[in-house]
C-alpha cells in the first residue's frame, strides 16, 4: 500500500475509481471518486436496407433507412433520413458510401449536409476506389440536422451498394 500526498492530504492508493471517474483530493476516502468527463450522447448509426439508384449528375440524399442503434431516438430513419442531435455541442459525424459502379473515369462525391447545405465533401475524381468516407467535427445547436448526399457523373443512373458494412451514417456528441 502506497500513500500519496496531494494538497497536504494523504491518499491511500488502494482506493480505486471505477471507469469514467476522477479523484478529487479533498480527503483520502473512496467517496471522493466522482463522475468525470461526460457522456458521448446522443449518438446513432444507420445503414441501408437495400440498393439505391442514384441518377446521373444529381445531388441525391442517401436513404439510410435502418437504425443500428439510436438510444436517444434522434435519428429519423422513416421519414427524412436525417439526424437531429437535439442537444447543443460538438459532434463527430461521418458516412461511408460504396457505389456498385466499376472503376471508370468519372466523378463521385459524398457530402455531409447541415440544415440543407453542404458542409463537408469528399471527392473521388477517377474512380480509383468504389468507397468514399467523409467525416467532420461540427458545432451543432439543438435543432440542427444532418443528412448525407452523393453525386456522380458516370453518364447514367447507377446503383449504390446494399451492403450494410459499406453504407453507414453515424454520429456522436464529443465530451468537451
N, C-alpha and C. Protein backbone atom coordinates (compact mmCIF):
# COMPACT_ATOMS: atom_id res chain seq x y z
N UNK A 1 0.85 -1.17 0.00
CA UNK A 1 0.00 0.00 0.00
C UNK A 1 0.90 1.23 0.00
N UNK A 2 0.62 2.16 -0.91
CA UNK A 2 1.40 3.39 -1.00
C UNK A 2 0.54 4.57 -0.60
N UNK A 3 1.16 5.52 0.04
CA UNK A 3 0.47 6.74 0.44
C UNK A 3 1.01 7.88 -0.41
N UNK A 4 0.10 8.62 -1.03
CA UNK A 4 0.45 9.78 -1.84
C UNK A 4 -0.08 11.01 -1.12
N UNK A 5 0.64 12.11 -1.17
CA UNK A 5 0.18 13.33 -0.54
C UNK A 5 -0.21 14.32 -1.64
N UNK A 6 -1.46 14.79 -1.59
CA UNK A 6 -1.98 15.79 -2.51
C UNK A 6 -2.58 16.92 -1.70
N UNK A 7 -2.18 18.13 -1.97
CA UNK A 7 -2.71 19.29 -1.25
C UNK A 7 -2.70 19.06 0.27
N UNK A 8 -1.57 18.54 0.75
CA UNK A 8 -1.37 18.30 2.18
C UNK A 8 -2.32 17.26 2.75
N UNK A 9 -2.86 16.39 1.93
CA UNK A 9 -3.73 15.33 2.42
C UNK A 9 -3.17 13.99 1.96
N UNK A 10 -3.22 13.03 2.82
CA UNK A 10 -2.73 11.69 2.48
C UNK A 10 -3.80 10.95 1.69
N UNK A 11 -3.39 10.22 0.65
CA UNK A 11 -4.29 9.43 -0.16
C UNK A 11 -3.76 8.01 -0.23
N UNK A 12 -4.59 7.08 0.09
CA UNK A 12 -4.22 5.68 0.04
C UNK A 12 -4.47 5.17 -1.37
N UNK A 13 -3.42 4.66 -2.06
CA UNK A 13 -3.57 4.20 -3.44
C UNK A 13 -4.44 2.97 -3.56
N UNK A 14 -4.80 2.35 -2.49
CA UNK A 14 -5.68 1.19 -2.59
C UNK A 14 -7.12 1.61 -2.86
N UNK A 15 -7.43 2.90 -2.67
CA UNK A 15 -8.74 3.40 -3.07
C UNK A 15 -8.74 3.46 -4.59
N UNK A 16 -9.68 2.81 -5.23
CA UNK A 16 -9.71 2.77 -6.68
C UNK A 16 -11.01 3.37 -7.20
N UNK A 17 -10.91 3.95 -8.37
CA UNK A 17 -12.08 4.54 -9.03
C UNK A 17 -12.62 3.57 -10.06
N UNK A 18 -13.87 3.70 -10.34
CA UNK A 18 -14.47 2.96 -11.44
C UNK A 18 -14.14 3.67 -12.74
N UNK A 19 -14.32 2.99 -13.86
CA UNK A 19 -14.10 3.59 -15.16
C UNK A 19 -14.95 4.84 -15.30
N UNK A 20 -14.38 5.90 -15.85
CA UNK A 20 -15.11 7.14 -16.08
C UNK A 20 -15.20 8.03 -14.86
N UNK A 21 -14.45 7.74 -13.81
CA UNK A 21 -14.47 8.57 -12.61
C UNK A 21 -13.11 9.24 -12.44
N UNK A 22 -13.11 10.36 -11.72
CA UNK A 22 -11.90 11.08 -11.39
C UNK A 22 -11.84 11.25 -9.89
N UNK A 23 -10.65 11.47 -9.38
CA UNK A 23 -10.48 11.63 -7.94
C UNK A 23 -10.33 13.10 -7.61
N UNK A 24 -11.07 13.58 -6.64
CA UNK A 24 -10.90 14.94 -6.14
C UNK A 24 -10.19 14.83 -4.81
N UNK A 25 -9.12 15.56 -4.65
CA UNK A 25 -8.26 15.41 -3.49
C UNK A 25 -8.74 16.27 -2.32
N UNK A 26 -9.88 15.93 -1.77
CA UNK A 26 -10.37 16.64 -0.59
C UNK A 26 -10.21 15.80 0.65
N UNK A 27 -10.08 14.49 0.48
CA UNK A 27 -9.80 13.59 1.59
C UNK A 27 -9.27 12.30 1.02
N UNK A 28 -9.05 11.33 1.86
CA UNK A 28 -8.48 10.07 1.41
C UNK A 28 -9.50 8.95 1.36
N UNK A 29 -10.76 9.27 1.13
CA UNK A 29 -11.78 8.23 1.11
C UNK A 29 -12.28 7.97 -0.30
N UNK A 30 -12.81 6.78 -0.51
CA UNK A 30 -13.34 6.41 -1.82
C UNK A 30 -14.54 7.26 -2.20
N UNK A 31 -15.18 7.91 -1.25
CA UNK A 31 -16.33 8.77 -1.55
C UNK A 31 -15.94 9.95 -2.41
N UNK A 32 -14.65 10.24 -2.52
CA UNK A 32 -14.20 11.39 -3.31
C UNK A 32 -14.06 11.06 -4.79
N UNK A 33 -14.32 9.82 -5.20
CA UNK A 33 -14.32 9.49 -6.62
C UNK A 33 -15.65 9.93 -7.20
N UNK A 34 -15.60 10.81 -8.19
CA UNK A 34 -16.81 11.36 -8.78
C UNK A 34 -16.78 11.15 -10.29
N UNK A 35 -17.94 11.20 -10.89
CA UNK A 35 -18.03 11.03 -12.34
C UNK A 35 -17.21 12.10 -13.03
N UNK A 36 -16.45 11.69 -14.03
CA UNK A 36 -15.62 12.62 -14.79
C UNK A 36 -16.06 12.68 -16.24
N UNK A 37 -15.68 13.74 -16.91
CA UNK A 37 -15.93 13.86 -18.34
C UNK A 37 -17.36 14.17 -18.69
N UNK A 38 -18.09 13.21 -19.11
CA UNK A 38 -19.47 13.37 -19.55
C UNK A 38 -19.84 12.19 -20.41
N UNK A 39 -20.90 12.33 -21.15
CA UNK A 39 -21.39 11.23 -22.00
C UNK A 39 -21.27 11.61 -23.47
N UNK A 40 -20.96 10.62 -24.30
CA UNK A 40 -20.89 10.82 -25.75
C UNK A 40 -22.26 10.64 -26.38
N UNK A 41 -23.29 11.16 -25.75
CA UNK A 41 -24.64 11.03 -26.27
C UNK A 41 -25.23 12.41 -26.50
N UNK A 42 -26.10 12.54 -27.48
CA UNK A 42 -26.71 11.50 -28.29
C UNK A 42 -25.72 10.91 -29.31
N UNK A 43 -26.09 9.71 -29.76
CA UNK A 43 -25.30 9.02 -30.76
C UNK A 43 -26.22 8.12 -31.58
N UNK A 44 -25.76 7.74 -32.77
CA UNK A 44 -26.56 6.86 -33.63
C UNK A 44 -25.66 6.25 -34.70
N UNK A 45 -26.17 5.20 -35.32
CA UNK A 45 -25.59 4.64 -36.55
C UNK A 45 -26.73 4.07 -37.35
N UNK A 46 -26.75 4.39 -38.64
CA UNK A 46 -27.80 3.90 -39.55
C UNK A 46 -27.15 3.30 -40.79
N UNK A 47 -27.87 2.36 -41.39
CA UNK A 47 -27.41 1.72 -42.62
C UNK A 47 -28.57 1.70 -43.62
N UNK A 48 -28.39 0.99 -44.71
CA UNK A 48 -29.41 0.89 -45.75
C UNK A 48 -30.07 -0.47 -45.70
N UNK A 49 -31.28 -0.55 -46.22
CA UNK A 49 -31.98 -1.84 -46.26
C UNK A 49 -31.95 -2.45 -47.66
N UNK A 50 -31.45 -1.71 -48.63
CA UNK A 50 -31.41 -2.22 -50.00
C UNK A 50 -30.58 -1.32 -50.89
N UNK A 51 -30.53 -1.69 -52.16
CA UNK A 51 -29.79 -0.91 -53.15
C UNK A 51 -30.55 0.37 -53.48
N UNK A 52 -29.82 1.46 -53.65
CA UNK A 52 -30.44 2.73 -54.04
C UNK A 52 -29.85 3.14 -55.38
N UNK A 53 -30.71 3.54 -56.30
CA UNK A 53 -30.27 4.02 -57.60
C UNK A 53 -30.10 5.53 -57.55
N UNK A 54 -28.93 5.99 -57.96
CA UNK A 54 -28.59 7.42 -57.92
C UNK A 54 -28.55 7.93 -59.36
N UNK A 55 -29.37 8.92 -59.68
CA UNK A 55 -29.35 9.45 -61.05
C UNK A 55 -28.04 10.17 -61.37
N UNK A 56 -27.71 10.26 -62.63
CA UNK A 56 -26.52 10.95 -63.09
C UNK A 56 -26.62 12.45 -62.81
N UNK A 57 -25.51 13.04 -62.40
CA UNK A 57 -25.35 14.50 -62.23
C UNK A 57 -26.43 15.13 -61.35
N UNK A 58 -26.79 14.44 -60.26
CA UNK A 58 -27.81 14.95 -59.35
C UNK A 58 -27.38 14.69 -57.91
N UNK A 59 -27.35 15.73 -57.07
CA UNK A 59 -27.12 15.51 -55.64
C UNK A 59 -28.31 14.76 -55.10
N UNK A 60 -28.07 13.58 -54.56
CA UNK A 60 -29.15 12.71 -54.12
C UNK A 60 -28.92 12.29 -52.67
N UNK A 61 -29.97 12.44 -51.86
CA UNK A 61 -29.86 12.02 -50.47
C UNK A 61 -29.81 10.50 -50.40
N UNK A 62 -28.89 9.99 -49.57
CA UNK A 62 -28.78 8.55 -49.38
C UNK A 62 -29.82 8.11 -48.36
N UNK A 63 -30.52 7.05 -48.69
CA UNK A 63 -31.63 6.56 -47.88
C UNK A 63 -31.15 5.60 -46.80
N UNK A 64 -30.59 6.16 -45.72
CA UNK A 64 -30.19 5.35 -44.57
C UNK A 64 -31.44 5.10 -43.74
N UNK A 65 -32.14 4.03 -44.09
CA UNK A 65 -33.47 3.79 -43.51
C UNK A 65 -33.50 2.74 -42.40
N UNK A 66 -32.34 2.27 -41.98
CA UNK A 66 -32.28 1.23 -40.94
C UNK A 66 -31.40 1.70 -39.80
N UNK A 67 -31.98 1.82 -38.62
CA UNK A 67 -31.19 2.19 -37.45
C UNK A 67 -30.47 0.96 -36.90
N UNK A 68 -29.18 1.09 -36.67
CA UNK A 68 -28.42 0.05 -35.99
C UNK A 68 -28.53 0.29 -34.49
N UNK A 69 -28.31 1.55 -34.10
CA UNK A 69 -28.60 1.98 -32.74
C UNK A 69 -28.91 3.46 -32.75
N UNK A 70 -29.75 3.86 -31.84
CA UNK A 70 -30.20 5.25 -31.68
C UNK A 70 -30.85 5.37 -30.31
N UNK A 71 -30.07 5.22 -29.23
CA UNK A 71 -30.67 5.14 -27.89
C UNK A 71 -31.47 6.37 -27.47
N UNK A 72 -31.14 7.54 -28.01
CA UNK A 72 -31.87 8.75 -27.65
C UNK A 72 -33.02 9.06 -28.62
N UNK A 73 -33.17 8.27 -29.67
CA UNK A 73 -34.26 8.48 -30.63
C UNK A 73 -34.12 9.76 -31.43
N UNK A 74 -32.88 10.13 -31.81
CA UNK A 74 -32.64 11.38 -32.51
C UNK A 74 -32.48 11.22 -34.03
N UNK A 75 -32.43 9.98 -34.52
CA UNK A 75 -32.31 9.75 -35.96
C UNK A 75 -33.66 9.38 -36.54
N UNK A 76 -34.07 10.09 -37.59
CA UNK A 76 -35.34 9.82 -38.26
C UNK A 76 -35.08 8.90 -39.45
N UNK A 77 -35.26 7.62 -39.25
CA UNK A 77 -35.00 6.64 -40.31
C UNK A 77 -36.20 6.40 -41.21
N UNK A 78 -37.38 6.85 -40.81
CA UNK A 78 -38.58 6.50 -41.58
C UNK A 78 -39.08 7.61 -42.50
N UNK A 79 -38.81 8.86 -42.17
CA UNK A 79 -39.36 9.97 -42.96
C UNK A 79 -38.30 10.75 -43.71
N UNK A 80 -37.35 11.32 -42.99
CA UNK A 80 -36.37 12.25 -43.58
C UNK A 80 -34.96 11.70 -43.70
N UNK A 81 -34.67 10.56 -43.11
CA UNK A 81 -33.31 10.00 -43.09
C UNK A 81 -32.30 11.10 -42.72
N UNK A 82 -32.58 11.73 -41.59
CA UNK A 82 -31.69 12.79 -41.09
C UNK A 82 -31.52 12.65 -39.59
N UNK A 83 -30.42 13.23 -39.11
CA UNK A 83 -30.12 13.18 -37.69
C UNK A 83 -30.19 14.58 -37.11
N UNK A 84 -30.99 14.73 -36.07
CA UNK A 84 -31.10 15.98 -35.32
C UNK A 84 -30.62 15.68 -33.90
N UNK A 85 -29.40 16.08 -33.52
CA UNK A 85 -28.87 15.70 -32.22
C UNK A 85 -29.73 16.12 -31.02
N UNK A 86 -30.45 17.23 -31.09
CA UNK A 86 -31.37 17.70 -30.06
C UNK A 86 -30.67 18.25 -28.82
N UNK A 87 -29.34 18.21 -28.79
CA UNK A 87 -28.56 18.75 -27.68
C UNK A 87 -27.41 19.54 -28.29
N UNK A 88 -27.25 20.79 -27.90
CA UNK A 88 -26.16 21.60 -28.43
C UNK A 88 -24.82 21.03 -27.99
N UNK A 89 -23.83 21.11 -28.87
CA UNK A 89 -22.49 20.65 -28.54
C UNK A 89 -21.68 20.36 -29.78
N UNK A 90 -20.47 19.85 -29.57
CA UNK A 90 -19.60 19.45 -30.67
C UNK A 90 -19.86 17.97 -30.98
N UNK A 91 -19.91 17.66 -32.27
CA UNK A 91 -20.25 16.31 -32.72
C UNK A 91 -19.27 15.81 -33.76
N UNK A 92 -19.00 14.51 -33.70
CA UNK A 92 -18.29 13.81 -34.75
C UNK A 92 -19.36 13.17 -35.62
N UNK A 93 -19.34 13.48 -36.92
CA UNK A 93 -20.35 13.00 -37.86
C UNK A 93 -19.63 12.41 -39.06
N UNK A 94 -20.12 11.28 -39.55
CA UNK A 94 -19.46 10.68 -40.70
C UNK A 94 -20.36 9.76 -41.49
N UNK A 95 -19.87 9.37 -42.65
CA UNK A 95 -20.59 8.44 -43.51
C UNK A 95 -19.60 7.68 -44.37
N UNK A 96 -20.00 6.49 -44.74
CA UNK A 96 -19.25 5.66 -45.67
C UNK A 96 -20.21 5.23 -46.75
N UNK A 97 -19.82 5.43 -48.01
CA UNK A 97 -20.67 5.11 -49.15
C UNK A 97 -19.88 4.23 -50.11
N UNK A 98 -20.54 3.22 -50.64
CA UNK A 98 -19.91 2.37 -51.66
C UNK A 98 -20.84 2.29 -52.86
N UNK A 99 -20.31 2.66 -54.00
CA UNK A 99 -21.10 2.53 -55.22
C UNK A 99 -20.92 1.14 -55.79
N UNK A 100 -21.84 0.73 -56.59
CA UNK A 100 -21.72 -0.55 -57.29
C UNK A 100 -21.12 -0.33 -58.67
N UNK A 101 -20.62 0.86 -58.91
CA UNK A 101 -20.05 1.22 -60.21
C UNK A 101 -18.64 0.66 -60.31
N UNK A 102 -18.33 0.04 -61.41
CA UNK A 102 -16.97 -0.46 -61.63
C UNK A 102 -16.02 0.72 -61.79
N UNK A 103 -14.75 0.47 -61.51
CA UNK A 103 -13.75 1.53 -61.69
C UNK A 103 -13.84 2.07 -63.11
N UNK A 104 -13.90 3.36 -63.23
CA UNK A 104 -14.06 4.02 -64.51
C UNK A 104 -13.82 5.49 -64.28
N UNK A 105 -13.53 6.23 -65.33
CA UNK A 105 -13.35 7.66 -65.17
C UNK A 105 -14.70 8.32 -64.97
N UNK A 106 -14.73 9.27 -64.12
CA UNK A 106 -15.94 9.98 -63.78
C UNK A 106 -15.71 10.73 -62.48
N UNK A 107 -16.77 11.13 -61.85
CA UNK A 107 -16.69 11.93 -60.64
C UNK A 107 -17.70 11.38 -59.64
N UNK A 108 -17.27 11.12 -58.42
CA UNK A 108 -18.10 10.53 -57.39
C UNK A 108 -17.81 11.28 -56.09
N UNK A 109 -18.84 11.79 -55.43
CA UNK A 109 -18.62 12.53 -54.19
C UNK A 109 -19.64 12.13 -53.14
N UNK A 110 -19.26 12.31 -51.88
CA UNK A 110 -20.13 12.11 -50.74
C UNK A 110 -20.08 13.38 -49.92
N UNK A 111 -21.25 13.85 -49.48
CA UNK A 111 -21.35 15.15 -48.81
C UNK A 111 -22.16 15.04 -47.53
N UNK A 112 -21.69 15.72 -46.50
CA UNK A 112 -22.48 15.90 -45.29
C UNK A 112 -23.18 17.24 -45.42
N UNK A 113 -24.49 17.22 -45.29
CA UNK A 113 -25.30 18.44 -45.32
C UNK A 113 -25.73 18.77 -43.89
N UNK A 114 -25.72 20.06 -43.59
CA UNK A 114 -26.24 20.56 -42.32
C UNK A 114 -27.31 21.59 -42.65
N UNK A 115 -28.50 21.35 -42.17
CA UNK A 115 -29.62 22.27 -42.40
C UNK A 115 -29.81 22.59 -43.87
N UNK A 116 -29.61 21.60 -44.74
CA UNK A 116 -29.87 21.77 -46.17
C UNK A 116 -28.71 22.26 -47.00
N UNK A 117 -27.53 22.47 -46.39
CA UNK A 117 -26.36 22.97 -47.13
C UNK A 117 -25.16 22.06 -46.89
N UNK A 118 -24.37 21.87 -47.93
CA UNK A 118 -23.18 21.04 -47.84
C UNK A 118 -22.13 21.70 -46.93
N UNK A 119 -21.59 20.92 -45.97
CA UNK A 119 -20.55 21.46 -45.08
C UNK A 119 -19.26 20.64 -45.14
N UNK A 120 -19.30 19.47 -45.76
CA UNK A 120 -18.09 18.65 -45.92
C UNK A 120 -18.27 17.76 -47.13
N UNK A 121 -17.24 17.69 -47.97
CA UNK A 121 -17.32 16.92 -49.22
C UNK A 121 -16.02 16.13 -49.39
N UNK A 122 -16.16 14.89 -49.80
CA UNK A 122 -15.01 14.10 -50.24
C UNK A 122 -15.29 13.69 -51.68
N UNK A 123 -14.32 13.98 -52.55
CA UNK A 123 -14.47 13.70 -53.98
C UNK A 123 -13.54 12.58 -54.40
N UNK A 124 -14.00 11.80 -55.33
CA UNK A 124 -13.19 10.77 -55.97
C UNK A 124 -13.33 11.01 -57.46
N UNK A 125 -12.31 11.58 -58.06
CA UNK A 125 -12.45 12.02 -59.44
C UNK A 125 -12.06 11.00 -60.49
N UNK A 126 -11.47 9.88 -60.10
CA UNK A 126 -11.05 8.90 -61.11
C UNK A 126 -11.54 7.50 -60.80
N UNK A 127 -12.44 7.36 -59.87
CA UNK A 127 -12.99 6.05 -59.52
C UNK A 127 -11.91 5.05 -59.18
N UNK A 128 -10.84 5.54 -58.51
CA UNK A 128 -9.79 4.62 -58.13
C UNK A 128 -10.22 3.73 -56.97
N UNK A 129 -11.32 4.05 -56.38
CA UNK A 129 -11.94 3.19 -55.39
C UNK A 129 -13.44 3.38 -55.48
N UNK A 130 -14.18 2.38 -55.07
CA UNK A 130 -15.63 2.50 -55.12
C UNK A 130 -16.21 2.95 -53.80
N UNK A 131 -15.37 3.06 -52.75
CA UNK A 131 -15.83 3.52 -51.44
C UNK A 131 -15.29 4.90 -51.14
N UNK A 132 -16.12 5.71 -50.54
CA UNK A 132 -15.71 7.05 -50.12
C UNK A 132 -16.23 7.26 -48.71
N UNK A 133 -15.38 7.81 -47.86
CA UNK A 133 -15.77 8.13 -46.48
C UNK A 133 -15.59 9.63 -46.26
N UNK A 134 -16.53 10.20 -45.53
CA UNK A 134 -16.48 11.62 -45.20
C UNK A 134 -16.79 11.76 -43.72
N UNK A 135 -16.10 12.68 -43.05
CA UNK A 135 -16.38 12.93 -41.64
C UNK A 135 -15.93 14.33 -41.27
N UNK A 136 -16.44 14.81 -40.15
CA UNK A 136 -16.04 16.11 -39.63
C UNK A 136 -16.47 16.24 -38.19
N UNK A 137 -15.91 17.24 -37.53
CA UNK A 137 -16.37 17.65 -36.21
C UNK A 137 -17.07 18.97 -36.40
N UNK A 138 -18.28 19.08 -35.87
CA UNK A 138 -19.09 20.29 -36.09
C UNK A 138 -19.78 20.70 -34.80
N UNK A 139 -19.99 22.00 -34.65
CA UNK A 139 -20.75 22.55 -33.53
C UNK A 139 -22.21 22.64 -33.94
N UNK A 140 -23.07 21.97 -33.19
CA UNK A 140 -24.49 21.94 -33.52
C UNK A 140 -25.32 22.60 -32.44
N UNK A 141 -26.38 23.25 -32.85
CA UNK A 141 -27.43 23.70 -31.94
C UNK A 141 -28.41 22.55 -31.77
N UNK A 142 -29.32 22.67 -30.84
CA UNK A 142 -30.28 21.60 -30.57
C UNK A 142 -31.16 21.26 -31.77
N UNK A 143 -31.42 22.23 -32.66
CA UNK A 143 -32.34 22.00 -33.77
C UNK A 143 -31.65 21.82 -35.13
N UNK A 144 -30.32 21.75 -35.17
CA UNK A 144 -29.63 21.48 -36.44
C UNK A 144 -29.89 20.04 -36.87
N UNK A 145 -29.80 19.79 -38.18
CA UNK A 145 -29.96 18.42 -38.66
C UNK A 145 -28.93 18.12 -39.75
N UNK A 146 -28.59 16.84 -39.86
CA UNK A 146 -27.55 16.37 -40.77
C UNK A 146 -28.10 15.29 -41.68
N UNK A 147 -27.65 15.33 -42.95
CA UNK A 147 -28.05 14.36 -43.96
C UNK A 147 -26.83 14.03 -44.81
N UNK A 148 -26.90 12.91 -45.53
CA UNK A 148 -25.81 12.51 -46.42
C UNK A 148 -26.32 12.50 -47.85
N UNK A 149 -25.56 13.15 -48.73
CA UNK A 149 -25.88 13.20 -50.15
C UNK A 149 -24.71 12.64 -50.94
N UNK A 150 -24.99 12.17 -52.15
CA UNK A 150 -23.95 11.72 -53.05
C UNK A 150 -24.24 12.23 -54.46
N UNK A 151 -23.18 12.27 -55.26
CA UNK A 151 -23.26 12.78 -56.62
C UNK A 151 -22.30 11.95 -57.48
N UNK A 152 -22.68 11.68 -58.70
CA UNK A 152 -21.77 11.07 -59.68
C UNK A 152 -22.11 11.59 -61.06
N UNK A 153 -21.14 11.49 -61.97
CA UNK A 153 -21.41 11.86 -63.37
C UNK A 153 -20.92 10.76 -64.30
N UNK A 154 -21.26 9.56 -63.97
CA UNK A 154 -20.87 8.39 -64.77
C UNK A 154 -21.56 8.37 -66.13
N UNK A 155 -22.71 9.02 -66.23
CA UNK A 155 -23.40 9.08 -67.51
C UNK A 155 -24.82 8.56 -67.46
N UNK A 156 -25.12 7.70 -66.53
CA UNK A 156 -26.47 7.17 -66.37
C UNK A 156 -26.72 6.89 -64.91
N UNK A 157 -27.91 6.45 -64.60
CA UNK A 157 -28.24 6.10 -63.21
C UNK A 157 -27.38 4.92 -62.78
N UNK A 158 -26.91 4.95 -61.54
CA UNK A 158 -26.05 3.89 -61.02
C UNK A 158 -26.56 3.41 -59.68
N UNK A 159 -26.34 2.15 -59.39
CA UNK A 159 -26.74 1.58 -58.11
C UNK A 159 -25.65 1.78 -57.07
N UNK A 160 -26.08 2.06 -55.86
CA UNK A 160 -25.17 2.10 -54.73
C UNK A 160 -25.38 0.83 -53.93
N UNK A 161 -24.37 0.43 -53.21
CA UNK A 161 -24.35 -0.85 -52.53
C UNK A 161 -25.48 -1.01 -51.52
N UNK A 162 -25.90 -2.25 -51.34
CA UNK A 162 -26.87 -2.57 -50.29
C UNK A 162 -26.17 -3.22 -49.09
N UNK A 163 -24.84 -3.27 -49.12
CA UNK A 163 -24.06 -3.88 -48.04
C UNK A 163 -24.05 -2.94 -46.84
N UNK A 164 -24.61 -3.40 -45.73
CA UNK A 164 -24.72 -2.53 -44.54
C UNK A 164 -23.36 -2.22 -43.92
N UNK A 165 -22.33 -3.00 -44.22
CA UNK A 165 -20.98 -2.66 -43.74
C UNK A 165 -20.34 -1.56 -44.57
N UNK A 166 -20.79 -1.40 -45.79
CA UNK A 166 -20.23 -0.41 -46.70
C UNK A 166 -21.05 0.87 -46.80
N UNK A 167 -22.27 0.86 -46.28
CA UNK A 167 -23.17 2.02 -46.35
C UNK A 167 -23.59 2.39 -44.93
N UNK A 168 -22.95 3.42 -44.37
CA UNK A 168 -23.21 3.79 -42.98
C UNK A 168 -23.25 5.31 -42.81
N UNK A 169 -24.07 5.75 -41.88
CA UNK A 169 -24.17 7.15 -41.47
C UNK A 169 -24.15 7.11 -39.94
N UNK A 170 -23.30 7.91 -39.31
CA UNK A 170 -23.14 7.81 -37.87
C UNK A 170 -22.74 9.15 -37.26
N UNK A 171 -22.95 9.28 -35.97
CA UNK A 171 -22.54 10.49 -35.27
C UNK A 171 -22.64 10.32 -33.76
N UNK A 172 -21.87 11.13 -33.05
CA UNK A 172 -21.96 11.14 -31.59
C UNK A 172 -21.44 12.47 -31.04
N UNK A 173 -21.94 12.82 -29.88
CA UNK A 173 -21.51 14.03 -29.19
C UNK A 173 -20.11 13.80 -28.63
N UNK A 174 -19.29 14.83 -28.68
CA UNK A 174 -17.94 14.76 -28.12
C UNK A 174 -17.96 15.33 -26.70
N UNK A 175 -17.17 14.75 -25.84
CA UNK A 175 -17.02 15.28 -24.48
C UNK A 175 -16.02 16.43 -24.56
N UNK A 176 -16.44 17.60 -24.13
CA UNK A 176 -15.55 18.76 -24.18
C UNK A 176 -15.31 19.33 -22.81
